[in-house]
């Protein structure tokens, strides 16, 4: 299982903007990059937790829950070079 660490205090629920999808998704900030990532499971379960040096709760979650793996319009959101 591939995992990724997110900050627990950045979780927020939204909706995919793709017309073919429209699914409710969970957004959270990735610890390593500081960028937001979306997940299919709005009730995403942490596999492990720990605190950062500045006392923020970090959750390790299943990367396979990433919304881009299941979204029919994922290619529409890719950055163009």
PDB file of N, CA and C in Angstrom:
ATOM      1  N   UNK A   1       0.844  -1.173   0.000  1.00  0.00           N
ATOM      2  CA  UNK A   1       0.000   0.000   0.000  1.00  0.00           C
ATOM      3  C   UNK A   1       0.892   1.240   0.000  1.00  0.00           C
ATOM      4  N   UNK A   2       0.605   2.168  -0.907  1.00  0.00           N
ATOM      5  CA  UNK A   2       1.303   3.441  -0.928  1.00  0.00           C
ATOM      6  C   UNK A   2       0.581   4.416  -0.012  1.00  0.00           C
ATOM      7  N   UNK A   3       1.342   5.161   0.754  1.00  0.00           N
ATOM      8  CA  UNK A   3       0.743   6.116   1.672  1.00  0.00           C
ATOM      9  C   UNK A   3       1.322   7.514   1.441  1.00  0.00           C
ATOM     10  N   UNK A   4       0.631   8.498   1.992  1.00  0.00           N
ATOM     11  CA  UNK A   4       1.075   9.882   1.915  1.00  0.00           C
ATOM     12  C   UNK A   4       0.667  10.573   3.216  1.00  0.00           C
ATOM     13  N   UNK A   5       1.454  11.551   3.647  1.00  0.00           N
ATOM     14  CA  UNK A   5       1.145  12.268   4.882  1.00  0.00           C
ATOM     15  C   UNK A   5       0.443  13.580   4.564  1.00  0.00           C
ATOM     16  N   UNK A   6      -0.632  13.841   5.323  1.00  0.00           N
ATOM     17  CA  UNK A   6      -1.385  15.085   5.181  1.00  0.00           C
ATOM     18  C   UNK A   6      -1.526  15.744   6.549  1.00  0.00           C
ATOM     19  N   UNK A   7      -1.751  17.056   6.532  1.00  0.00           N
ATOM     20  CA  UNK A   7      -2.042  17.766   7.777  1.00  0.00           C
ATOM     21  C   UNK A   7      -3.535  17.612   8.069  1.00  0.00           C
ATOM     22  N   UNK A   8      -3.862  17.115   9.253  1.00  0.00           N
ATOM     23  CA  UNK A   8      -5.253  16.868   9.625  1.00  0.00           C
ATOM     24  C   UNK A   8      -6.074  18.153   9.674  1.00  0.00           C
ATOM     25  N   UNK A   9      -5.448  19.261  10.050  1.00  0.00           N
ATOM     26  CA  UNK A   9      -6.195  20.518  10.196  1.00  0.00           C
ATOM     27  C   UNK A   9      -6.497  21.204   8.864  1.00  0.00           C
ATOM     28  N   UNK A  10      -6.107  20.595   7.749  1.00  0.00           N
ATOM     29  CA  UNK A  10      -6.383  21.195   6.442  1.00  0.00           C
ATOM     30  C   UNK A  10      -7.483  20.467   5.683  1.00  0.00           C
ATOM     31  N   UNK A  11      -8.080  19.463   6.282  1.00  0.00           N
ATOM     32  CA  UNK A  11      -9.146  18.705   5.607  1.00  0.00           C
ATOM     33  C   UNK A  11     -10.349  19.606   5.342  1.00  0.00           C
ATOM     34  N   UNK A  12     -10.866  19.516   4.109  1.00  0.00           N
ATOM     35  CA  UNK A  12     -12.113  20.218   3.784  1.00  0.00           C
ATOM     36  C   UNK A  12     -12.815  19.436   2.674  1.00  0.00           C
ATOM     37  N   UNK A  13     -14.135  19.457   2.698  1.00  0.00           N
ATOM     38  CA  UNK A  13     -14.925  18.710   1.724  1.00  0.00           C
ATOM     39  C   UNK A  13     -15.373  19.656   0.620  1.00  0.00           C
ATOM     40  N   UNK A  14     -15.296  19.169  -0.606  1.00  0.00           N
ATOM     41  CA  UNK A  14     -15.737  19.938  -1.768  1.00  0.00           C
ATOM     42  C   UNK A  14     -16.392  19.022  -2.772  1.00  0.00           C
ATOM     43  N   UNK A  15     -16.491  19.496  -3.996  1.00  0.00           N
ATOM     44  CA  UNK A  15     -17.087  18.701  -5.060  1.00  0.00           C
ATOM     45  C   UNK A  15     -16.209  18.835  -6.302  1.00  0.00           C
ATOM     46  N   UNK A  16     -16.006  17.728  -7.000  1.00  0.00           N
ATOM     47  CA  UNK A  16     -15.223  17.730  -8.229  1.00  0.00           C
ATOM     48  C   UNK A  16     -15.916  18.624  -9.252  1.00  0.00           C
ATOM     49  N   UNK A  17     -15.143  19.475  -9.928  1.00  0.00           N
ATOM     50  CA  UNK A  17     -15.705  20.416 -10.900  1.00  0.00           C
ATOM     51  C   UNK A  17     -15.913  19.818 -12.281  1.00  0.00           C
ATOM     52  N   UNK A  18     -15.496  18.575 -12.494  1.00  0.00           N
ATOM     53  CA  UNK A  18     -15.692  17.943 -13.792  1.00  0.00           C
ATOM     54  C   UNK A  18     -17.170  17.607 -13.970  1.00  0.00           C
ATOM     55  N   UNK A  19     -17.741  17.984 -15.125  1.00  0.00           N
ATOM     56  CA  UNK A  19     -19.163  17.755 -15.386  1.00  0.00           C
ATOM     57  C   UNK A  19     -19.536  16.279 -15.404  1.00  0.00           C
ATOM     58  N   UNK A  20     -18.625  15.416 -15.820  1.00  0.00           N
ATOM     59  CA  UNK A  20     -18.908  13.981 -15.879  1.00  0.00           C
ATOM     60  C   UNK A  20     -18.781  13.312 -14.513  1.00  0.00           C
ATOM     61  N   UNK A  21     -18.175  14.000 -13.557  1.00  0.00           N
ATOM     62  CA  UNK A  21     -17.940  13.391 -12.247  1.00  0.00           C
ATOM     63  C   UNK A  21     -18.841  14.024 -11.175  1.00  0.00           C
ATOM     64  N   UNK A  22     -18.493  15.200 -10.711  1.00  0.00           N
ATOM     65  CA  UNK A  22     -19.293  15.895  -9.704  1.00  0.00           C
ATOM     66  C   UNK A  22     -19.294  15.255  -8.330  1.00  0.00           C
ATOM     67  N   UNK A  23     -18.398  14.321  -8.085  1.00  0.00           N
ATOM     68  CA  UNK A  23     -18.350  13.577  -6.824  1.00  0.00           C
ATOM     69  C   UNK A  23     -17.877  14.455  -5.666  1.00  0.00           C
ATOM     70  N   UNK A  24     -18.390  14.174  -4.482  1.00  0.00           N
ATOM     71  CA  UNK A  24     -17.890  14.845  -3.272  1.00  0.00           C
ATOM     72  C   UNK A  24     -16.477  14.333  -3.005  1.00  0.00           C
ATOM     73  N   UNK A  25     -15.574  15.246  -2.694  1.00  0.00           N
ATOM     74  CA  UNK A  25     -14.182  14.879  -2.459  1.00  0.00           C
ATOM     75  C   UNK A  25     -13.657  15.575  -1.213  1.00  0.00           C
ATOM     76  N   UNK A  26     -12.580  15.040  -0.695  1.00  0.00           N
ATOM     77  CA  UNK A  26     -11.899  15.617   0.458  1.00  0.00           C
ATOM     78  C   UNK A  26     -10.601  16.237  -0.019  1.00  0.00           C
ATOM     79  N   UNK A  27     -10.338  17.479   0.379  1.00  0.00           N
ATOM     80  CA  UNK A  27      -9.076  18.153   0.081  1.00  0.00           C
ATOM     81  C   UNK A  27      -8.245  18.198   1.340  1.00  0.00           C
ATOM     82  N   UNK A  28      -6.925  18.030   1.203  1.00  0.00           N
ATOM     83  CA  UNK A  28      -6.013  18.136   2.345  1.00  0.00           C
ATOM     84  C   UNK A  28      -4.630  18.526   1.853  1.00  0.00           C
ATOM     85  N   UNK A  29      -3.876  19.218   2.694  1.00  0.00           N
ATOM     86  CA  UNK A  29      -2.520  19.643   2.348  1.00  0.00           C
ATOM     87  C   UNK A  29      -1.530  18.518   2.588  1.00  0.00           C
ATOM     88  N   UNK A  30      -0.707  18.240   1.593  1.00  0.00           N
ATOM     89  CA  UNK A  30       0.321  17.209   1.683  1.00  0.00           C
ATOM     90  C   UNK A  30       1.518  17.784   2.446  1.00  0.00           C
ATOM     91  N   UNK A  31       2.019  17.042   3.415  1.00  0.00           N
ATOM     92  CA  UNK A  31       3.118  17.511   4.258  1.00  0.00           C
ATOM     93  C   UNK A  31       4.377  17.780   3.432  1.00  0.00           C
ATOM     94  N   UNK A  32       4.736  16.882   2.555  1.00  0.00           N
ATOM     95  CA  UNK A  32       6.000  16.985   1.816  1.00  0.00           C
ATOM     96  C   UNK A  32       6.047  18.147   0.832  1.00  0.00           C
ATOM     97  N   UNK A  33       4.900  18.505   0.238  1.00  0.00           N
ATOM     98  CA  UNK A  33       4.905  19.521  -0.823  1.00  0.00           C
ATOM     99  C   UNK A  33       4.216  20.825  -0.447  1.00  0.00           C
ATOM    100  N   UNK A  34       3.327  20.772   0.531  1.00  0.00           N
ATOM    101  CA  UNK A  34       2.541  21.948   0.882  1.00  0.00           C
ATOM    102  C   UNK A  34       1.394  22.206  -0.084  1.00  0.00           C
ATOM    103  N   UNK A  35       1.186  21.301  -1.052  1.00  0.00           N
ATOM    104  CA  UNK A  35       0.110  21.450  -2.023  1.00  0.00           C
ATOM    105  C   UNK A  35      -1.110  20.661  -1.572  1.00  0.00           C
ATOM    106  N   UNK A  36      -2.281  21.072  -2.051  1.00  0.00           N
ATOM    107  CA  UNK A  36      -3.515  20.359  -1.734  1.00  0.00           C
ATOM    108  C   UNK A  36      -3.678  19.162  -2.665  1.00  0.00           C
ATOM    109  N   UNK A  37      -4.228  18.083  -2.123  1.00  0.00           N
ATOM    110  CA  UNK A  37      -4.520  16.879  -2.895  1.00  0.00           C
ATOM    111  C   UNK A  37      -5.960  16.488  -2.591  1.00  0.00           C
ATOM    112  N   UNK A  38      -6.641  15.920  -3.577  1.00  0.00           N
ATOM    113  CA  UNK A  38      -8.032  15.514  -3.363  1.00  0.00           C
ATOM    114  C   UNK A  38      -8.132  13.991  -3.260  1.00  0.00           C
ATOM    115  N   UNK A  39      -9.069  13.576  -2.434  1.00  0.00           N
ATOM    116  CA  UNK A  39      -9.283  12.156  -2.151  1.00  0.00           C
ATOM    117  C   UNK A  39     -10.751  11.822  -2.351  1.00  0.00           C
ATOM    118  N   UNK A  40     -11.024  10.576  -2.782  1.00  0.00           N
ATOM    119  CA  UNK A  40     -12.402  10.117  -2.978  1.00  0.00           C
ATOM    120  C   UNK A  40     -13.165   9.980  -1.669  1.00  0.00           C
ATOM    121  N   UNK A  41     -12.516   9.515  -0.662  1.00  0.00           N
ATOM    122  CA  UNK A  41     -13.169   9.197   0.602  1.00  0.00           C
ATOM    123  C   UNK A  41     -13.252  10.436   1.486  1.00  0.00           C
ATOM    124  N   UNK A  42     -14.455  11.011   1.636  1.00  0.00           N
ATOM    125  CA  UNK A  42     -14.593  12.203   2.475  1.00  0.00           C
ATOM    126  C   UNK A  42     -14.427  11.878   3.961  1.00  0.00           C
ATOM    127  N   UNK A  43     -14.436  10.607   4.300  1.00  0.00           N
ATOM    128  CA  UNK A  43     -14.193  10.148   5.679  1.00  0.00           C
ATOM    129  C   UNK A  43     -12.874   9.377   5.720  1.00  0.00           C
ATOM    130  N   UNK A  44     -11.860   9.881   5.051  1.00  0.00           N
ATOM    131  CA  UNK A  44     -10.562   9.226   4.922  1.00  0.00           C
ATOM    132  C   UNK A  44     -10.006   8.837   6.297  1.00  0.00           C
ATOM    133  N   UNK A  45      -9.626   7.578   6.439  1.00  0.00           N
ATOM    134  CA  UNK A  45      -9.145   7.050   7.711  1.00  0.00           C
ATOM    135  C   UNK A  45      -7.617   7.092   7.751  1.00  0.00           C
ATOM    136  N   UNK A  46      -7.090   7.616   8.839  1.00  0.00           N
ATOM    137  CA  UNK A  46      -5.642   7.681   9.021  1.00  0.00           C
ATOM    138  C   UNK A  46      -5.103   6.306   9.404  1.00  0.00           C
ATOM    139  N   UNK A  47      -4.014   5.913   8.762  1.00  0.00           N
ATOM    140  CA  UNK A  47      -3.360   4.644   9.075  1.00  0.00           C
ATOM    141  C   UNK A  47      -2.471   4.822  10.308  1.00  0.00           C
ATOM    142  N   UNK A  48      -1.752   5.937  10.334  1.00  0.00           N
ATOM    143  CA  UNK A  48      -0.908   6.307  11.474  1.00  0.00           C
ATOM    144  C   UNK A  48      -1.014   7.812  11.673  1.00  0.00           C
ATOM    145  N   UNK A  49      -0.727   8.256  12.882  1.00  0.00           N
ATOM    146  CA  UNK A  49      -0.698   9.692  13.157  1.00  0.00           C
ATOM    147  C   UNK A  49       0.556  10.030  13.949  1.00  0.00           C
ATOM    148  N   UNK A  50       0.978  11.277  13.828  1.00  0.00           N
ATOM    149  CA  UNK A  50       2.091  11.793  14.620  1.00  0.00           C
ATOM    150  C   UNK A  50       1.963  13.307  14.649  1.00  0.00           C
ATOM    151  N   UNK A  51       2.760  13.938  15.493  1.00  0.00           N
ATOM    152  CA  UNK A  51       2.759  15.394  15.559  1.00  0.00           C
ATOM    153  C   UNK A  51       4.043  15.943  14.957  1.00  0.00           C
ATOM    154  N   UNK A  52       3.904  17.048  14.237  1.00  0.00           N
ATOM    155  CA  UNK A  52       5.068  17.737  13.687  1.00  0.00           C
ATOM    156  C   UNK A  52       5.746  18.507  14.826  1.00  0.00           C
ATOM    157  N   UNK A  53       6.972  19.007  14.618  1.00  0.00           N
ATOM    158  CA  UNK A  53       7.642  19.782  15.666  1.00  0.00           C
ATOM    159  C   UNK A  53       6.835  21.000  16.141  1.00  0.00           C
ATOM    160  N   UNK A  54       6.000  21.550  15.243  1.00  0.00           N
ATOM    161  CA  UNK A  54       5.167  22.693  15.649  1.00  0.00           C
ATOM    162  C   UNK A  54       3.781  22.254  16.137  1.00  0.00           C
ATOM    163  N   UNK A  55       3.658  20.969  16.485  1.00  0.00           N
ATOM    164  CA  UNK A  55       2.480  20.369  17.131  1.00  0.00           C
ATOM    165  C   UNK A  55       1.249  20.283  16.234  1.00  0.00           C
ATOM    166  N   UNK A  56       1.442  20.190  14.924  1.00  0.00           N
ATOM    167  CA  UNK A  56       0.325  19.946  14.011  1.00  0.00           C
ATOM    168  C   UNK A  56       0.163  18.443  13.837  1.00  0.00           C
ATOM    169  N   UNK A  57      -1.077  17.978  13.837  1.00  0.00           N
ATOM    170  CA  UNK A  57      -1.346  16.556  13.668  1.00  0.00           C
ATOM    171  C   UNK A  57      -1.138  16.163  12.213  1.00  0.00           C
ATOM    172  N   UNK A  58      -0.296  15.166  11.999  1.00  0.00           N
ATOM    173  CA  UNK A  58      -0.021  14.631  10.666  1.00  0.00           C
ATOM    174  C   UNK A  58      -0.634  13.245  10.579  1.00  0.00           C
ATOM    175  N   UNK A  59      -1.376  13.002   9.501  1.00  0.00           N
ATOM    176  CA  UNK A  59      -2.005  11.709   9.285  1.00  0.00           C
ATOM    177  C   UNK A  59      -1.390  11.036   8.065  1.00  0.00           C
ATOM    178  N   UNK A  60      -1.086   9.777   8.192  1.00  0.00           N
ATOM    179  CA  UNK A  60      -0.632   8.985   7.055  1.00  0.00           C
ATOM    180  C   UNK A  60      -1.864   8.274   6.507  1.00  0.00           C
ATOM    181  N   UNK A  61      -2.168   8.513   5.215  1.00  0.00           N
ATOM    182  CA  UNK A  61      -3.377   7.962   4.601  1.00  0.00           C
ATOM    183  C   UNK A  61      -3.014   7.171   3.345  1.00  0.00           C
ATOM    184  N   UNK A  62      -3.969   6.390   2.879  1.00  0.00           N
ATOM    185  CA  UNK A  62      -3.787   5.546   1.693  1.00  0.00           C
ATOM    186  C   UNK A  62      -3.793   6.407   0.431  1.00  0.00           C
ATOM    187  N   UNK A  63      -2.692   6.417  -0.306  1.00  0.00           N
ATOM    188  CA  UNK A  63      -2.581   7.199  -1.527  1.00  0.00           C
ATOM    189  C   UNK A  63      -3.518   6.689  -2.619  1.00  0.00           C
ATOM    190  N   UNK A  64      -3.946   5.438  -2.543  1.00  0.00           N
ATOM    191  CA  UNK A  64      -4.868   4.886  -3.538  1.00  0.00           C
ATOM    192  C   UNK A  64      -6.248   5.542  -3.475  1.00  0.00           C
ATOM    193  N   UNK A  65      -6.522   6.317  -2.428  1.00  0.00           N
ATOM    194  CA  UNK A  65      -7.785   7.045  -2.316  1.00  0.00           C
ATOM    195  C   UNK A  65      -7.745   8.363  -3.089  1.00  0.00           C
ATOM    196  N   UNK A  66      -6.631   8.659  -3.766  1.00  0.00           N
ATOM    197  CA  UNK A  66      -6.484   9.882  -4.539  1.00  0.00           C
ATOM    198  C   UNK A  66      -7.594   9.949  -5.593  1.00  0.00           C
ATOM    199  N   UNK A  67      -8.307  11.056  -5.651  1.00  0.00           N
ATOM    200  CA  UNK A  67      -9.463  11.191  -6.555  1.00  0.00           C
ATOM    201  C   UNK A  67      -9.080  11.101  -8.026  1.00  0.00           C
ATOM    202  N   UNK A  68      -7.882  11.521  -8.388  1.00  0.00           N
ATOM    203  CA  UNK A  68      -7.497  11.515  -9.807  1.00  0.00           C
ATOM    204  C   UNK A  68      -7.423  10.110 -10.390  1.00  0.00           C
ATOM    205  N   UNK A  69      -7.330   9.099  -9.566  1.00  0.00           N
ATOM    206  CA  UNK A  69      -7.302   7.722 -10.077  1.00  0.00           C
ATOM    207  C   UNK A  69      -8.670   7.277 -10.585  1.00  0.00           C
ATOM    208  N   UNK A  70      -9.737   7.858 -10.067  1.00  0.00           N
ATOM    209  CA  UNK A  70     -11.079   7.412 -10.443  1.00  0.00           C
ATOM    210  C   UNK A  70     -11.879   8.449 -11.217  1.00  0.00           C
ATOM    211  N   UNK A  71     -11.439   9.691 -11.256  1.00  0.00           N
ATOM    212  CA  UNK A  71     -12.205  10.760 -11.905  1.00  0.00           C
ATOM    213  C   UNK A  71     -12.173  10.597 -13.429  1.00  0.00           C
ATOM    214  N   UNK A  72     -13.331  10.555 -14.087  1.00  0.00           N
ATOM    215  CA  UNK A  72     -13.356  10.406 -15.537  1.00  0.00           C
ATOM    216  C   UNK A  72     -12.781  11.631 -16.278  1.00  0.00           C
ATOM    217  N   UNK A  73     -12.726  12.760 -15.613  1.00  0.00           N
ATOM    218  CA  UNK A  73     -12.203  13.966 -16.246  1.00  0.00           C
ATOM    219  C   UNK A  73     -10.860  14.402 -15.736  1.00  0.00           C
ATOM    220  N   UNK A  74     -10.097  13.499 -15.148  1.00  0.00           N
ATOM    221  CA  UNK A  74      -8.805  13.863 -14.542  1.00  0.00           C
ATOM    222  C   UNK A  74      -7.866  14.560 -15.528  1.00  0.00           C
ATOM    223  N   UNK A  75      -7.869  14.132 -16.775  1.00  0.00           N
ATOM    224  CA  UNK A  75      -6.959  14.724 -17.772  1.00  0.00           C
ATOM    225  C   UNK A  75      -7.272  16.201 -18.016  1.00  0.00           C
ATOM    226  N   UNK A  76      -8.497  16.609 -17.758  1.00  0.00           N
ATOM    227  CA  UNK A  76      -8.890  18.007 -17.964  1.00  0.00           C
ATOM    228  C   UNK A  76      -8.254  18.946 -16.944  1.00  0.00           C
ATOM    229  N   UNK A  77      -7.739  18.397 -15.856  1.00  0.00           N
ATOM    230  CA  UNK A  77      -7.177  19.213 -14.790  1.00  0.00           C
ATOM    231  C   UNK A  77      -5.651  19.237 -14.785  1.00  0.00           C
ATOM    232  N   UNK A  78      -5.029  18.530 -15.685  1.00  0.00           N
ATOM    233  CA  UNK A  78      -3.563  18.493 -15.740  1.00  0.00           C
ATOM    234  C   UNK A  78      -3.034  19.857 -16.168  1.00  0.00           C
ATOM    235  N   UNK A  79      -1.923  20.268 -15.562  1.00  0.00           N
ATOM    236  CA  UNK A  79      -1.306  21.536 -15.939  1.00  0.00           C
ATOM    237  C   UNK A  79      -0.715  21.399 -17.337  1.00  0.00           C
ATOM    238  N   UNK A  80      -0.958  22.406 -18.136  1.00  0.00           N
ATOM    239  CA  UNK A  80      -0.398  22.412 -19.484  1.00  0.00           C
ATOM    240  C   UNK A  80       0.954  23.102 -19.457  1.00  0.00           C
ATOM    241  N   UNK A  81       1.896  22.541 -20.201  1.00  0.00           N
ATOM    242  CA  UNK A  81       3.260  23.114 -20.222  1.00  0.00           C
ATOM    243  C   UNK A  81       3.443  24.023 -21.401  1.00  0.00           C
TER     244      UNK A  81
END
